[in-house]
Amino acid sequence: MNITIRRVRSEEWRQVKQLRLDALLDPVAAIAFLETHEQAAARPDEFWQERTANAAEGDSVCQLVAVAEDGRWLGSMTVLVELPGGKGALDGDVIEAPQTHLVGVFVRPEARGTGLADDLVRAAAQWSWSLTEPVVRRLRLYVHEDNARAAAMYARAGFKPTGASGPVPGDDTHREIEMEIVRG
């Protein structure tokens, strides 16, 4: 199967919305995402249009999609730029150096185990390392402590646990584990 990994385009907001809604129906969505299907479905079209435009053209966020030859979207991940002085997503620590943060990772069930997630992570790292203002040397993410499949994929892609963790927002009984790739 020939798959293209590329940045979303502004006019693709409907596909971005649909992929997100599909992701939130996945059985592991409860430990992989911080919003519910109902919350996302209730958002107005303007929200999806703005979100997609920012991810398509901005320099502070990039959403990558994996598109099959027949046009089906098989997966996606989003990279957020975090600047010094900002606060960490879970730990609340002050960001000390420019870094990127991988979020919203989803691969459709039929494409899992094919290496597509690895390819998306490589594309996210390439985008991160290509930034010139700011120059980024660290790509990080958080993975739910019970999401062993995702943690294994991230480790295979080169992410290593940092030792930092934080409670899952809204659930103090579970932890999100921070993992990172540091540019050599």
C-alpha atoms as a PDB file:
ATOM      1  CA  MET A   1       0.000   0.000   0.000  1.00  0.00           C
ATOM      2  CA  ASN A   2       1.356   3.389  -1.013  1.00  0.00           C
ATOM      3  CA  ILE A   3       0.852   5.950   1.763  1.00  0.00           C
ATOM      4  CA  THR A   4       1.758   9.632   1.737  1.00  0.00           C
ATOM      5  CA  ILE A   5       2.541  11.430   4.980  1.00  0.00           C
ATOM      6  CA  ARG A   6       2.033  15.162   4.723  1.00  0.00           C
ATOM      7  CA  ARG A   7       0.817  18.218   6.542  1.00  0.00           C
ATOM      8  CA  VAL A   8      -2.934  18.854   6.565  1.00  0.00           C
ATOM      9  CA  ARG A   9      -4.361  21.534   4.288  1.00  0.00           C
ATOM     10  CA  SER A  10      -6.692  24.289   5.511  1.00  0.00           C
ATOM     11  CA  GLU A  11      -9.578  23.144   3.351  1.00  0.00           C
ATOM     12  CA  GLU A  12      -9.435  19.631   4.858  1.00  0.00           C
ATOM     13  CA  TRP A  13     -11.127  20.591   8.126  1.00  0.00           C
ATOM     14  CA  ARG A  14     -13.984  18.129   7.538  1.00  0.00           C
ATOM     15  CA  GLN A  15     -11.509  15.241   7.224  1.00  0.00           C
ATOM     16  CA  VAL A  16      -9.628  16.457  10.318  1.00  0.00           C
ATOM     17  CA  LYS A  17     -12.893  16.520  12.258  1.00  0.00           C
ATOM     18  CA  GLN A  18     -13.971  13.078  11.028  1.00  0.00           C
ATOM     19  CA  LEU A  19     -10.615  11.465  11.820  1.00  0.00           C
ATOM     20  CA  ARG A  20     -10.690  12.935  15.320  1.00  0.00           C
ATOM     21  CA  LEU A  21     -14.234  11.703  15.895  1.00  0.00           C
ATOM     22  CA  ASP A  22     -13.248   8.240  14.646  1.00  0.00           C
ATOM     23  CA  ALA A  23     -10.210   8.265  16.945  1.00  0.00           C
ATOM     24  CA  LEU A  24     -12.395   9.117  19.920  1.00  0.00           C
ATOM     25  CA  LEU A  25     -14.564   6.056  19.233  1.00  0.00           C
ATOM     26  CA  ASP A  26     -11.533   3.749  19.373  1.00  0.00           C
ATOM     27  CA  PRO A  27     -11.532   1.346  22.357  1.00  0.00           C
ATOM     28  CA  VAL A  28      -8.328   2.905  23.765  1.00  0.00           C
ATOM     29  CA  ALA A  29      -9.541   6.497  23.337  1.00  0.00           C
ATOM     30  CA  ALA A  30     -10.257   6.845  27.052  1.00  0.00           C
ATOM     31  CA  ILE A  31      -6.547   6.432  27.846  1.00  0.00           C
ATOM     32  CA  ALA A  32      -5.192   8.079  24.704  1.00  0.00           C
ATOM     33  CA  PHE A  33      -7.137  11.345  24.477  1.00  0.00           C
ATOM     34  CA  LEU A  34      -8.204  14.019  26.935  1.00  0.00           C
ATOM     35  CA  GLU A  35     -11.579  14.720  25.326  1.00  0.00           C
ATOM     36  CA  THR A  36     -14.580  12.546  24.603  1.00  0.00           C
ATOM     37  CA  HIS A  37     -16.338  11.876  21.319  1.00  0.00           C
ATOM     38  CA  GLU A  38     -19.337  13.819  22.616  1.00  0.00           C
ATOM     39  CA  GLN A  39     -17.225  16.876  23.440  1.00  0.00           C
ATOM     40  CA  ALA A  40     -15.531  16.879  20.031  1.00  0.00           C
ATOM     41  CA  ALA A  41     -18.774  16.267  18.127  1.00  0.00           C
ATOM     42  CA  ALA A  42     -20.382  19.256  19.861  1.00  0.00           C
ATOM     43  CA  ARG A  43     -17.716  21.678  18.649  1.00  0.00           C
ATOM     44  CA  PRO A  44     -18.882  24.065  15.896  1.00  0.00           C
ATOM     45  CA  ASP A  45     -17.468  23.917  12.378  1.00  0.00           C
ATOM     46  CA  GLU A  46     -15.579  27.158  13.050  1.00  0.00           C
ATOM     47  CA  PHE A  47     -13.534  25.373  15.706  1.00  0.00           C
ATOM     48  CA  TRP A  48     -12.444  22.689  13.216  1.00  0.00           C
ATOM     49  CA  GLN A  49     -11.765  25.259  10.495  1.00  0.00           C
ATOM     50  CA  GLU A  50      -9.526  27.318  12.778  1.00  0.00           C
ATOM     51  CA  ARG A  51      -7.787  24.266  14.228  1.00  0.00           C
ATOM     52  CA  THR A  52      -7.055  22.894  10.768  1.00  0.00           C
ATOM     53  CA  ALA A  53      -5.879  26.246   9.389  1.00  0.00           C
ATOM     54  CA  ASN A  54      -3.450  26.668  12.298  1.00  0.00           C
ATOM     55  CA  ALA A  55      -2.116  23.119  11.893  1.00  0.00           C
ATOM     56  CA  ALA A  56      -1.773  23.562   8.140  1.00  0.00           C
ATOM     57  CA  GLU A  57      -0.039  26.904   7.966  1.00  0.00           C
ATOM     58  CA  GLY A  58       1.178  27.980  11.367  1.00  0.00           C
ATOM     59  CA  ASP A  59       4.676  27.617  12.741  1.00  0.00           C
ATOM     60  CA  SER A  60       3.574  26.704  16.258  1.00  0.00           C
ATOM     61  CA  VAL A  61       1.591  23.578  15.376  1.00  0.00           C
ATOM     62  CA  CYS A  62       1.745  20.978  12.616  1.00  0.00           C
ATOM     63  CA  GLN A  63      -0.755  18.188  12.025  1.00  0.00           C
ATOM     64  CA  LEU A  64       0.553  15.335   9.905  1.00  0.00           C
ATOM     65  CA  VAL A  65      -1.749  12.868   8.163  1.00  0.00           C
ATOM     66  CA  ALA A  66      -1.149   9.519   6.509  1.00  0.00           C
ATOM     67  CA  VAL A  67      -3.171   9.318   3.299  1.00  0.00           C
ATOM     68  CA  ALA A  68      -3.660   6.109   1.296  1.00  0.00           C
ATOM     69  CA  GLU A  69      -3.635   6.078  -2.519  1.00  0.00           C
ATOM     70  CA  ASP A  70      -7.425   5.936  -2.541  1.00  0.00           C
ATOM     71  CA  GLY A  71      -7.610   9.105  -0.401  1.00  0.00           C
ATOM     72  CA  ARG A  72      -8.489   7.413   2.907  1.00  0.00           C
ATOM     73  CA  TRP A  73      -6.897   8.986   5.964  1.00  0.00           C
ATOM     74  CA  LEU A  74      -5.217   6.204   7.922  1.00  0.00           C
ATOM     75  CA  GLY A  75      -3.660   8.154  10.760  1.00  0.00           C
ATOM     76  CA  SER A  76      -2.547  11.451  12.170  1.00  0.00           C
ATOM     77  CA  MET A  77      -0.441  13.117  14.819  1.00  0.00           C
ATOM     78  CA  THR A  78       0.023  16.712  15.850  1.00  0.00           C
ATOM     79  CA  VAL A  79       3.217  18.478  16.903  1.00  0.00           C
ATOM     80  CA  LEU A  80       3.017  21.531  19.184  1.00  0.00           C
ATOM     81  CA  VAL A  81       5.902  23.964  19.640  1.00  0.00           C
ATOM     82  CA  GLU A  82       6.537  24.779  23.313  1.00  0.00           C
ATOM     83  CA  LEU A  83       8.560  27.909  24.030  1.00  0.00           C
ATOM     84  CA  PRO A  84      10.702  28.878  27.032  1.00  0.00           C
ATOM     85  CA  GLY A  85       8.660  30.365  29.841  1.00  0.00           C
ATOM     86  CA  GLY A  86       5.558  28.342  28.974  1.00  0.00           C
ATOM     87  CA  LYS A  87       4.140  25.702  31.299  1.00  0.00           C
ATOM     88  CA  GLY A  88       4.392  21.953  30.791  1.00  0.00           C
ATOM     89  CA  ALA A  89       1.117  20.284  29.816  1.00  0.00           C
ATOM     90  CA  LEU A  90       0.916  17.866  32.747  1.00  0.00           C
ATOM     91  CA  ASP A  91       3.718  18.652  35.122  1.00  0.00           C
ATOM     92  CA  GLY A  92       3.254  22.431  35.145  1.00  0.00           C
ATOM     93  CA  ASP A  93       7.023  22.931  35.056  1.00  0.00           C
ATOM     94  CA  VAL A  94       8.315  25.981  33.226  1.00  0.00           C
ATOM     95  CA  ILE A  95       9.674  25.146  29.768  1.00  0.00           C
ATOM     96  CA  GLU A  96      13.385  25.996  29.751  1.00  0.00           C
ATOM     97  CA  ALA A  97      14.298  25.501  26.086  1.00  0.00           C
ATOM     98  CA  PRO A  98      12.312  25.332  22.848  1.00  0.00           C
ATOM     99  CA  GLN A  99      10.857  21.872  22.331  1.00  0.00           C
ATOM    100  CA  THR A 100       8.040  20.151  20.508  1.00  0.00           C
ATOM    101  CA  HIS A 101       5.279  18.048  22.007  1.00  0.00           C
ATOM    102  CA  LEU A 102       3.611  15.173  20.158  1.00  0.00           C
ATOM    103  CA  VAL A 103      -0.164  14.861  20.763  1.00  0.00           C
ATOM    104  CA  GLY A 104      -3.290  13.476  19.135  1.00  0.00           C
ATOM    105  CA  VAL A 105      -1.670  10.282  17.861  1.00  0.00           C
ATOM    106  CA  PHE A 106      -4.053   7.939  16.046  1.00  0.00           C
ATOM    107  CA  VAL A 107      -3.696   5.142  13.501  1.00  0.00           C
ATOM    108  CA  ARG A 108      -6.788   3.348  12.223  1.00  0.00           C
ATOM    109  CA  PRO A 109      -7.005  -0.295  13.349  1.00  0.00           C
ATOM    110  CA  GLU A 110      -6.513  -1.645   9.824  1.00  0.00           C
ATOM    111  CA  ALA A 111      -3.181   0.206   9.537  1.00  0.00           C
ATOM    112  CA  ARG A 112      -1.787  -0.759  12.948  1.00  0.00           C
ATOM    113  CA  GLY A 113       1.223  -3.041  12.951  1.00  0.00           C
ATOM    114  CA  THR A 114       2.273  -1.861   9.480  1.00  0.00           C
ATOM    115  CA  GLY A 115       4.948   0.612  10.579  1.00  0.00           C
ATOM    116  CA  LEU A 116       2.717   3.589   9.798  1.00  0.00           C
ATOM    117  CA  ALA A 117       2.928   4.951  13.350  1.00  0.00           C
ATOM    118  CA  ASP A 118       6.732   4.763  13.142  1.00  0.00           C
ATOM    119  CA  ASP A 119       6.625   6.670   9.846  1.00  0.00           C
ATOM    120  CA  LEU A 120       4.399   9.349  11.365  1.00  0.00           C
ATOM    121  CA  VAL A 121       6.765   9.734  14.337  1.00  0.00           C
ATOM    122  CA  ARG A 122       9.732  10.081  11.972  1.00  0.00           C
ATOM    123  CA  ALA A 123       7.858  12.773  10.040  1.00  0.00           C
ATOM    124  CA  ALA A 124       7.021  14.581  13.300  1.00  0.00           C
ATOM    125  CA  ALA A 125      10.680  14.488  14.346  1.00  0.00           C
ATOM    126  CA  GLN A 126      11.781  15.727  10.908  1.00  0.00           C
ATOM    127  CA  TRP A 127       9.353  18.636  11.138  1.00  0.00           C
ATOM    128  CA  SER A 128      10.603  19.431  14.656  1.00  0.00           C
ATOM    129  CA  TRP A 129      14.265  19.325  13.637  1.00  0.00           C
ATOM    130  CA  SER A 130      13.564  21.448  10.531  1.00  0.00           C
ATOM    131  CA  LEU A 131      12.436  24.431  12.600  1.00  0.00           C
ATOM    132  CA  THR A 132      14.897  27.301  12.491  1.00  0.00           C
ATOM    133  CA  GLU A 133      13.067  29.731  14.770  1.00  0.00           C
ATOM    134  CA  PRO A 134      13.046  28.318  17.314  1.00  0.00           C
ATOM    135  CA  VAL A 135      15.673  25.617  16.971  1.00  0.00           C
ATOM    136  CA  VAL A 136      14.296  22.521  18.686  1.00  0.00           C
ATOM    137  CA  ARG A 137      16.460  19.820  20.244  1.00  0.00           C
ATOM    138  CA  ARG A 138      13.787  17.846  22.110  1.00  0.00           C
ATOM    139  CA  LEU A 139      10.556  16.130  21.060  1.00  0.00           C
ATOM    140  CA  ARG A 140       8.418  14.891  23.920  1.00  0.00           C
ATOM    141  CA  LEU A 141       5.103  13.193  24.555  1.00  0.00           C
ATOM    142  CA  TYR A 142       3.037  11.761  27.360  1.00  0.00           C
ATOM    143  CA  VAL A 143       1.659   8.225  27.288  1.00  0.00           C
ATOM    144  CA  HIS A 144      -0.877   6.759  29.714  1.00  0.00           C
ATOM    145  CA  GLU A 145       0.703   4.210  32.035  1.00  0.00           C
ATOM    146  CA  ASP A 146      -1.826   1.578  30.867  1.00  0.00           C
ATOM    147  CA  ASN A 147      -1.238   2.147  27.132  1.00  0.00           C
ATOM    148  CA  ALA A 148       1.492  -0.476  26.693  1.00  0.00           C
ATOM    149  CA  ARG A 149       1.054  -0.763  22.921  1.00  0.00           C
ATOM    150  CA  ALA A 150       1.625   2.960  22.400  1.00  0.00           C
ATOM    151  CA  ALA A 151       4.556   3.029  24.847  1.00  0.00           C
ATOM    152  CA  ALA A 152       6.201   0.149  22.971  1.00  0.00           C
ATOM    153  CA  MET A 153       5.753   1.922  19.636  1.00  0.00           C
ATOM    154  CA  TYR A 154       7.256   5.121  21.027  1.00  0.00           C
ATOM    155  CA  ALA A 155      10.225   3.192  22.465  1.00  0.00           C
ATOM    156  CA  ARG A 156      10.748   1.486  19.103  1.00  0.00           C
ATOM    157  CA  ALA A 157      10.767   4.947  17.492  1.00  0.00           C
ATOM    158  CA  GLY A 158      13.533   6.090  19.846  1.00  0.00           C
ATOM    159  CA  PHE A 159      11.617   7.730  22.686  1.00  0.00           C
ATOM    160  CA  LYS A 160      12.980   7.133  26.169  1.00  0.00           C
ATOM    161  CA  PRO A 161      11.211   7.709  29.506  1.00  0.00           C
ATOM    162  CA  THR A 162      12.457  10.860  31.237  1.00  0.00           C
ATOM    163  CA  GLY A 163      11.406   9.793  34.717  1.00  0.00           C
ATOM    164  CA  ALA A 164       8.833  12.588  34.828  1.00  0.00           C
ATOM    165  CA  SER A 165       5.144  11.856  35.068  1.00  0.00           C
ATOM    166  CA  GLY A 166       1.941  13.551  36.043  1.00  0.00           C
ATOM    167  CA  PRO A 167      -1.603  12.621  36.917  1.00  0.00           C
ATOM    168  CA  VAL A 168      -4.024  12.119  34.064  1.00  0.00           C
ATOM    169  CA  PRO A 169      -6.136  15.291  33.945  1.00  0.00           C
ATOM    170  CA  GLY A 170      -9.355  14.518  35.773  1.00  0.00           C
ATOM    171  CA  ASP A 171      -8.055  11.163  37.095  1.00  0.00           C
ATOM    172  CA  ASP A 172      -5.545  11.286  39.943  1.00  0.00           C
ATOM    173  CA  THR A 173      -5.471   7.476  40.119  1.00  0.00           C
ATOM    174  CA  HIS A 174      -3.514   7.110  36.855  1.00  0.00           C
ATOM    175  CA  ARG A 175      -0.309   8.637  35.495  1.00  0.00           C
ATOM    176  CA  GLU A 176       0.913   9.950  32.165  1.00  0.00           C
ATOM    177  CA  ILE A 177       4.566   9.052  31.594  1.00  0.00           C
ATOM    178  CA  GLU A 178       6.790  11.558  29.791  1.00  0.00           C
ATOM    179  CA  MET A 179       9.012  10.203  27.002  1.00  0.00           C
ATOM    180  CA  GLU A 180      11.447  12.116  24.800  1.00  0.00           C
ATOM    181  CA  ILE A 181      13.792  12.040  21.857  1.00  0.00           C
ATOM    182  CA  VAL A 182      16.738  14.408  22.171  1.00  0.00           C
ATOM    183  CA  ARG A 183      18.319  15.548  18.929  1.00  0.00           C
ATOM    184  CA  GLY A 184      21.947  14.527  18.716  1.00  0.00           C
END
